[in-house]
Amino acid sequence: MKNEQSWLSPFFSKPYVDASITTLIGTSRSIFIVLGTLLFMNIFPTNYQLWGGTLTIAGIVIITIADISSNRTN
């Protein structure tokens, strides 16, 4: 029974984690994917892909910061 609880714990903890922080963590995963492909396969994304990824991550960071600051004022 203990093993069943250990792999289910991420699903039960989701309601307690703020959605914006979860999105930020999920999006930052793409940075590690780019670094992994560069290190292991020697493949680098094109300029358009870099700009798109940078703008996407920047937008999510801005939304997360705005959400955190609005939660502190409330």
PDB file of N, CA and C in Angstrom:
ATOM      1  N   MET A   1       0.816  -1.192   0.000  1.00  0.00           N
ATOM      2  CA  MET A   1       0.000   0.000   0.000  1.00  0.00           C
ATOM      3  C   MET A   1       0.865   1.263   0.000  1.00  0.00           C
ATOM      4  N   LYS A   2       2.013   1.208   0.652  1.00  0.00           N
ATOM      5  CA  LYS A   2       2.871   2.380   0.702  1.00  0.00           C
ATOM      6  C   LYS A   2       3.406   2.751  -0.685  1.00  0.00           C
ATOM      7  N   ASN A   3       3.754   1.754  -1.501  1.00  0.00           N
ATOM      8  CA  ASN A   3       4.231   2.037  -2.853  1.00  0.00           C
ATOM      9  C   ASN A   3       3.154   2.685  -3.706  1.00  0.00           C
ATOM     10  N   GLU A   4       1.918   2.300  -3.516  1.00  0.00           N
ATOM     11  CA  GLU A   4       0.835   2.907  -4.275  1.00  0.00           C
ATOM     12  C   GLU A   4       0.699   4.378  -3.925  1.00  0.00           C
ATOM     13  N   GLN A   5       0.879   4.725  -2.672  1.00  0.00           N
ATOM     14  CA  GLN A   5       0.753   6.114  -2.259  1.00  0.00           C
ATOM     15  C   GLN A   5       1.897   6.962  -2.799  1.00  0.00           C
ATOM     16  N   SER A   6       3.072   6.398  -2.932  1.00  0.00           N
ATOM     17  CA  SER A   6       4.214   7.189  -3.376  1.00  0.00           C
ATOM     18  C   SER A   6       4.064   7.643  -4.830  1.00  0.00           C
ATOM     19  N   TRP A   7       3.554   6.797  -5.702  1.00  0.00           N
ATOM     20  CA  TRP A   7       3.413   7.247  -7.092  1.00  0.00           C
ATOM     21  C   TRP A   7       2.131   8.039  -7.301  1.00  0.00           C
ATOM     22  N   LEU A   8       1.206   7.995  -6.380  1.00  0.00           N
ATOM     23  CA  LEU A   8      -0.012   8.792  -6.488  1.00  0.00           C
ATOM     24  C   LEU A   8       0.141  10.177  -5.864  1.00  0.00           C
ATOM     25  N   SER A   9       1.169  10.384  -5.062  1.00  0.00           N
ATOM     26  CA  SER A   9       1.312  11.657  -4.355  1.00  0.00           C
ATOM     27  C   SER A   9       1.394  12.875  -5.273  1.00  0.00           C
ATOM     28  N   PRO A  10       2.052  12.815  -6.451  1.00  0.00           N
ATOM     29  CA  PRO A  10       2.028  14.006  -7.311  1.00  0.00           C
ATOM     30  C   PRO A  10       0.618  14.392  -7.756  1.00  0.00           C
ATOM     31  N   PHE A  11      -0.258  13.412  -7.921  1.00  0.00           N
ATOM     32  CA  PHE A  11      -1.614  13.723  -8.354  1.00  0.00           C
ATOM     33  C   PHE A  11      -2.420  14.359  -7.237  1.00  0.00           C
ATOM     34  N   PHE A  12      -2.175  13.944  -6.013  1.00  0.00           N
ATOM     35  CA  PHE A  12      -2.909  14.513  -4.885  1.00  0.00           C
ATOM     36  C   PHE A  12      -2.367  15.881  -4.480  1.00  0.00           C
ATOM     37  N   SER A  13      -1.124  16.169  -4.792  1.00  0.00           N
ATOM     38  CA  SER A  13      -0.544  17.461  -4.414  1.00  0.00           C
ATOM     39  C   SER A  13      -0.868  18.552  -5.429  1.00  0.00           C
ATOM     40  N   LYS A  14      -1.317  18.193  -6.615  1.00  0.00           N
ATOM     41  CA  LYS A  14      -1.627  19.185  -7.654  1.00  0.00           C
ATOM     42  C   LYS A  14      -2.613  20.266  -7.192  1.00  0.00           C
ATOM     43  N   PRO A  15      -3.690  19.938  -6.471  1.00  0.00           N
ATOM     44  CA  PRO A  15      -4.613  21.000  -6.085  1.00  0.00           C
ATOM     45  C   PRO A  15      -3.987  22.035  -5.155  1.00  0.00           C
ATOM     46  N   TYR A  16      -2.885  21.717  -4.521  1.00  0.00           N
ATOM     47  CA  TYR A  16      -2.273  22.629  -3.569  1.00  0.00           C
ATOM     48  C   TYR A  16      -1.184  23.495  -4.179  1.00  0.00           C
ATOM     49  N   VAL A  17      -0.824  23.246  -5.427  1.00  0.00           N
ATOM     50  CA  VAL A  17       0.193  24.031  -6.112  1.00  0.00           C
ATOM     51  C   VAL A  17      -0.508  25.018  -7.034  1.00  0.00           C
ATOM     52  N   ASP A  18      -0.059  26.266  -6.989  1.00  0.00           N
ATOM     53  CA  ASP A  18      -0.661  27.299  -7.826  1.00  0.00           C
ATOM     54  C   ASP A  18      -0.445  26.965  -9.306  1.00  0.00           C
ATOM     55  N   ALA A  19      -1.464  27.180 -10.107  1.00  0.00           N
ATOM     56  CA  ALA A  19      -1.407  26.795 -11.525  1.00  0.00           C
ATOM     57  C   ALA A  19      -0.338  27.564 -12.286  1.00  0.00           C
ATOM     58  N   SER A  20      -0.107  28.827 -11.959  1.00  0.00           N
ATOM     59  CA  SER A  20       0.888  29.598 -12.691  1.00  0.00           C
ATOM     60  C   SER A  20       2.300  29.089 -12.422  1.00  0.00           C
ATOM     61  N   ILE A  21       2.564  28.665 -11.203  1.00  0.00           N
ATOM     62  CA  ILE A  21       3.894  28.129 -10.890  1.00  0.00           C
ATOM     63  C   ILE A  21       4.078  26.773 -11.563  1.00  0.00           C
ATOM     64  N   THR A  22       3.028  25.981 -11.600  1.00  0.00           N
ATOM     65  CA  THR A  22       3.094  24.689 -12.280  1.00  0.00           C
ATOM     66  C   THR A  22       3.360  24.883 -13.770  1.00  0.00           C
ATOM     67  N   THR A  23       2.728  25.870 -14.372  1.00  0.00           N
ATOM     68  CA  THR A  23       2.951  26.169 -15.786  1.00  0.00           C
ATOM     69  C   THR A  23       4.380  26.630 -16.025  1.00  0.00           C
ATOM     70  N   LEU A  24       4.895  27.455 -15.130  1.00  0.00           N
ATOM     71  CA  LEU A  24       6.273  27.932 -15.258  1.00  0.00           C
ATOM     72  C   LEU A  24       7.257  26.771 -15.187  1.00  0.00           C
ATOM     73  N   ILE A  25       7.044  25.866 -14.267  1.00  0.00           N
ATOM     74  CA  ILE A  25       7.928  24.707 -14.138  1.00  0.00           C
ATOM     75  C   ILE A  25       7.821  23.818 -15.378  1.00  0.00           C
ATOM     76  N   GLY A  26       6.616  23.605 -15.866  1.00  0.00           N
ATOM     77  CA  GLY A  26       6.436  22.780 -17.062  1.00  0.00           C
ATOM     78  C   GLY A  26       7.066  23.392 -18.296  1.00  0.00           C
ATOM     79  N   THR A  27       7.022  24.705 -18.399  1.00  0.00           N
ATOM     80  CA  THR A  27       7.599  25.380 -19.558  1.00  0.00           C
ATOM     81  C   THR A  27       9.118  25.397 -19.499  1.00  0.00           C
ATOM     82  N   SER A  28       9.673  25.492 -18.299  1.00  0.00           N
ATOM     83  CA  SER A  28      11.129  25.511 -18.183  1.00  0.00           C
ATOM     84  C   SER A  28      11.741  24.182 -18.606  1.00  0.00           C
ATOM     85  N   ARG A  29      10.931  23.148 -18.690  1.00  0.00           N
ATOM     86  CA  ARG A  29      11.419  21.847 -19.150  1.00  0.00           C
ATOM     87  C   ARG A  29      11.987  21.948 -20.566  1.00  0.00           C
ATOM     88  N   SER A  30      11.435  22.824 -21.388  1.00  0.00           N
ATOM     89  CA  SER A  30      11.917  22.959 -22.762  1.00  0.00           C
ATOM     90  C   SER A  30      13.353  23.467 -22.818  1.00  0.00           C
ATOM     91  N   ILE A  31      13.762  24.244 -21.834  1.00  0.00           N
ATOM     92  CA  ILE A  31      15.150  24.711 -21.792  1.00  0.00           C
ATOM     93  C   ILE A  31      16.092  23.521 -21.644  1.00  0.00           C
ATOM     94  N   PHE A  32      15.727  22.594 -20.775  1.00  0.00           N
ATOM     95  CA  PHE A  32      16.578  21.420 -20.573  1.00  0.00           C
ATOM     96  C   PHE A  32      16.567  20.496 -21.789  1.00  0.00           C
ATOM     97  N   ILE A  33      15.462  20.469 -22.507  1.00  0.00           N
ATOM     98  CA  ILE A  33      15.405  19.666 -23.734  1.00  0.00           C
ATOM     99  C   ILE A  33      16.351  20.241 -24.787  1.00  0.00           C
ATOM    100  N   VAL A  34      16.362  21.562 -24.926  1.00  0.00           N
ATOM    101  CA  VAL A  34      17.268  22.202 -25.886  1.00  0.00           C
ATOM    102  C   VAL A  34      18.719  21.940 -25.490  1.00  0.00           C
ATOM    103  N   LEU A  35      19.028  22.069 -24.204  1.00  0.00           N
ATOM    104  CA  LEU A  35      20.396  21.804 -23.747  1.00  0.00           C
ATOM    105  C   LEU A  35      20.788  20.342 -23.972  1.00  0.00           C
ATOM    106  N   GLY A  36      19.852  19.433 -23.749  1.00  0.00           N
ATOM    107  CA  GLY A  36      20.133  18.015 -23.971  1.00  0.00           C
ATOM    108  C   GLY A  36      20.387  17.687 -25.420  1.00  0.00           C
ATOM    109  N   THR A  37      19.577  18.264 -26.313  1.00  0.00           N
ATOM    110  CA  THR A  37      19.804  18.004 -27.740  1.00  0.00           C
ATOM    111  C   THR A  37      21.115  18.609 -28.208  1.00  0.00           C
ATOM    112  N   LEU A  38      21.481  19.742 -27.633  1.00  0.00           N
ATOM    113  CA  LEU A  38      22.755  20.350 -27.995  1.00  0.00           C
ATOM    114  C   LEU A  38      23.922  19.498 -27.511  1.00  0.00           C
ATOM    115  N   LEU A  39      23.855  19.014 -26.273  1.00  0.00           N
ATOM    116  CA  LEU A  39      24.961  18.241 -25.718  1.00  0.00           C
ATOM    117  C   LEU A  39      25.075  16.844 -26.300  1.00  0.00           C
ATOM    118  N   PHE A  40      23.958  16.147 -26.440  1.00  0.00           N
ATOM    119  CA  PHE A  40      24.014  14.739 -26.823  1.00  0.00           C
ATOM    120  C   PHE A  40      23.913  14.497 -28.325  1.00  0.00           C
ATOM    121  N   MET A  41      23.214  15.378 -29.038  1.00  0.00           N
ATOM    122  CA  MET A  41      23.020  15.141 -30.471  1.00  0.00           C
ATOM    123  C   MET A  41      23.649  16.218 -31.349  1.00  0.00           C
ATOM    124  N   ASN A  42      24.202  17.250 -30.710  1.00  0.00           N
ATOM    125  CA  ASN A  42      24.833  18.343 -31.430  1.00  0.00           C
ATOM    126  C   ASN A  42      23.867  19.006 -32.414  1.00  0.00           C
ATOM    127  N   ILE A  43      22.624  19.166 -31.997  1.00  0.00           N
ATOM    128  CA  ILE A  43      21.597  19.839 -32.803  1.00  0.00           C
ATOM    129  C   ILE A  43      21.201  21.110 -32.083  1.00  0.00           C
ATOM    130  N   PHE A  44      21.225  22.225 -32.791  1.00  0.00           N
ATOM    131  CA  PHE A  44      20.838  23.508 -32.203  1.00  0.00           C
ATOM    132  C   PHE A  44      19.611  24.036 -32.936  1.00  0.00           C
ATOM    133  N   PRO A  45      18.656  24.608 -32.201  1.00  0.00           N
ATOM    134  CA  PRO A  45      17.446  25.113 -32.861  1.00  0.00           C
ATOM    135  C   PRO A  45      17.743  26.309 -33.770  1.00  0.00           C
ATOM    136  N   THR A  46      16.844  26.519 -34.715  1.00  0.00           N
ATOM    137  CA  THR A  46      16.989  27.665 -35.618  1.00  0.00           C
ATOM    138  C   THR A  46      16.677  28.951 -34.863  1.00  0.00           C
ATOM    139  N   ASN A  47      16.977  30.077 -35.500  1.00  0.00           N
ATOM    140  CA  ASN A  47      16.717  31.372 -34.864  1.00  0.00           C
ATOM    141  C   ASN A  47      15.229  31.565 -34.569  1.00  0.00           C
ATOM    142  N   TYR A  48      14.374  31.135 -35.492  1.00  0.00           N
ATOM    143  CA  TYR A  48      12.938  31.274 -35.269  1.00  0.00           C
ATOM    144  C   TYR A  48      12.471  30.447 -34.068  1.00  0.00           C
ATOM    145  N   GLN A  49      13.026  29.263 -33.928  1.00  0.00           N
ATOM    146  CA  GLN A  49      12.656  28.412 -32.802  1.00  0.00           C
ATOM    147  C   GLN A  49      13.151  29.010 -31.482  1.00  0.00           C
ATOM    148  N   LEU A  50      14.355  29.580 -31.499  1.00  0.00           N
ATOM    149  CA  LEU A  50      14.869  30.224 -30.291  1.00  0.00           C
ATOM    150  C   LEU A  50      14.028  31.432 -29.890  1.00  0.00           C
ATOM    151  N   TRP A  51      13.681  32.260 -30.873  1.00  0.00           N
ATOM    152  CA  TRP A  51      12.844  33.428 -30.578  1.00  0.00           C
ATOM    153  C   TRP A  51      11.462  33.007 -30.072  1.00  0.00           C
ATOM    154  N   GLY A  52      10.889  32.019 -30.684  1.00  0.00           N
ATOM    155  CA  GLY A  52       9.580  31.543 -30.243  1.00  0.00           C
ATOM    156  C   GLY A  52       9.611  31.000 -28.832  1.00  0.00           C
ATOM    157  N   GLY A  53      10.614  30.192 -28.518  1.00  0.00           N
ATOM    158  CA  GLY A  53      10.747  29.660 -27.169  1.00  0.00           C
ATOM    159  C   GLY A  53      11.010  30.744 -26.141  1.00  0.00           C
ATOM    160  N   THR A  54      11.858  31.707 -26.503  1.00  0.00           N
ATOM    161  CA  THR A  54      12.165  32.807 -25.592  1.00  0.00           C
ATOM    162  C   THR A  54      10.932  33.653 -25.307  1.00  0.00           C
ATOM    163  N   LEU A  55      10.173  33.976 -26.340  1.00  0.00           N
ATOM    164  CA  LEU A  55       8.957  34.777 -26.139  1.00  0.00           C
ATOM    165  C   LEU A  55       7.904  34.024 -25.339  1.00  0.00           C
ATOM    166  N   THR A  56       7.781  32.737 -25.564  1.00  0.00           N
ATOM    167  CA  THR A  56       6.821  31.937 -24.811  1.00  0.00           C
ATOM    168  C   THR A  56       7.173  31.892 -23.338  1.00  0.00           C
ATOM    169  N   ILE A  57       8.432  31.611 -23.039  1.00  0.00           N
ATOM    170  CA  ILE A  57       8.866  31.544 -21.646  1.00  0.00           C
ATOM    171  C   ILE A  57       8.781  32.921 -20.990  1.00  0.00           C
ATOM    172  N   ALA A  58       9.140  33.982 -21.708  1.00  0.00           N
ATOM    173  CA  ALA A  58       9.043  35.337 -21.157  1.00  0.00           C
ATOM    174  C   ALA A  58       7.599  35.693 -20.831  1.00  0.00           C
ATOM    175  N   GLY A  59       6.679  35.324 -21.697  1.00  0.00           N
ATOM    176  CA  GLY A  59       5.262  35.598 -21.430  1.00  0.00           C
ATOM    177  C   GLY A  59       4.759  34.872 -20.203  1.00  0.00           C
ATOM    178  N   ILE A  60       5.152  33.639 -20.045  1.00  0.00           N
ATOM    179  CA  ILE A  60       4.711  32.877 -18.876  1.00  0.00           C
ATOM    180  C   ILE A  60       5.339  33.423 -17.605  1.00  0.00           C
ATOM    181  N   VAL A  61       6.602  33.854 -17.677  1.00  0.00           N
ATOM    182  CA  VAL A  61       7.250  34.456 -16.507  1.00  0.00           C
ATOM    183  C   VAL A  61       6.543  35.749 -16.122  1.00  0.00           C
ATOM    184  N   ILE A  62       6.179  36.568 -17.085  1.00  0.00           N
ATOM    185  CA  ILE A  62       5.469  37.820 -16.790  1.00  0.00           C
ATOM    186  C   ILE A  62       4.125  37.542 -16.141  1.00  0.00           C
ATOM    187  N   ILE A  63       3.388  36.582 -16.677  1.00  0.00           N
ATOM    188  CA  ILE A  63       2.086  36.236 -16.103  1.00  0.00           C
ATOM    189  C   ILE A  63       2.247  35.682 -14.688  1.00  0.00           C
ATOM    190  N   THR A  64       3.262  34.859 -14.467  1.00  0.00           N
ATOM    191  CA  THR A  64       3.489  34.284 -13.142  1.00  0.00           C
ATOM    192  C   THR A  64       3.857  35.356 -12.135  1.00  0.00           C
ATOM    193  N   ILE A  65       4.725  36.280 -12.516  1.00  0.00           N
ATOM    194  CA  ILE A  65       5.110  37.364 -11.611  1.00  0.00           C
ATOM    195  C   ILE A  65       3.911  38.242 -11.286  1.00  0.00           C
ATOM    196  N   ALA A  66       3.094  38.551 -12.285  1.00  0.00           N
ATOM    197  CA  ALA A  66       1.892  39.357 -12.047  1.00  0.00           C
ATOM    198  C   ALA A  66       0.918  38.630 -11.131  1.00  0.00           C
ATOM    199  N   ASP A  67       0.770  37.328 -11.303  1.00  0.00           N
ATOM    200  CA  ASP A  67      -0.128  36.554 -10.463  1.00  0.00           C
ATOM    201  C   ASP A  67       0.362  36.484  -9.027  1.00  0.00           C
ATOM    202  N   ILE A  68       1.663  36.286  -8.842  1.00  0.00           N
ATOM    203  CA  ILE A  68       2.222  36.227  -7.491  1.00  0.00           C
ATOM    204  C   ILE A  68       2.099  37.575  -6.801  1.00  0.00           C
ATOM    205  N   SER A  69       2.392  38.661  -7.510  1.00  0.00           N
ATOM    206  CA  SER A  69       2.310  39.986  -6.888  1.00  0.00           C
ATOM    207  C   SER A  69       0.855  40.367  -6.574  1.00  0.00           C
ATOM    208  N   SER A  70      -0.097  39.924  -7.405  1.00  0.00           N
ATOM    209  CA  SER A  70      -1.496  40.234  -7.102  1.00  0.00           C
ATOM    210  C   SER A  70      -1.998  39.403  -5.920  1.00  0.00           C
ATOM    211  N   ASN A  71      -1.460  38.201  -5.736  1.00  0.00           N
ATOM    212  CA  ASN A  71      -1.837  37.377  -4.578  1.00  0.00           C
ATOM    213  C   ASN A  71      -1.283  37.960  -3.285  1.00  0.00           C
ATOM    214  N   ARG A  72      -0.134  38.615  -3.339  1.00  0.00           N
ATOM    215  CA  ARG A  72       0.447  39.217  -2.137  1.00  0.00           C
ATOM    216  C   ARG A  72      -0.339  40.434  -1.691  1.00  0.00           C
ATOM    217  N   THR A  73      -0.906  41.169  -2.641  1.00  0.00           N
ATOM    218  CA  THR A  73      -1.663  42.362  -2.274  1.00  0.00           C
ATOM    219  C   THR A  73      -3.046  42.018  -1.764  1.00  0.00           C
ATOM    220  N   ASN A  74      -3.555  40.846  -2.094  1.00  0.00           N
ATOM    221  CA  ASN A  74      -4.892  40.463  -1.636  1.00  0.00           C
ATOM    222  C   ASN A  74      -4.879  39.879  -0.305  1.00  0.00           C
TER     223      ASN A  74
END
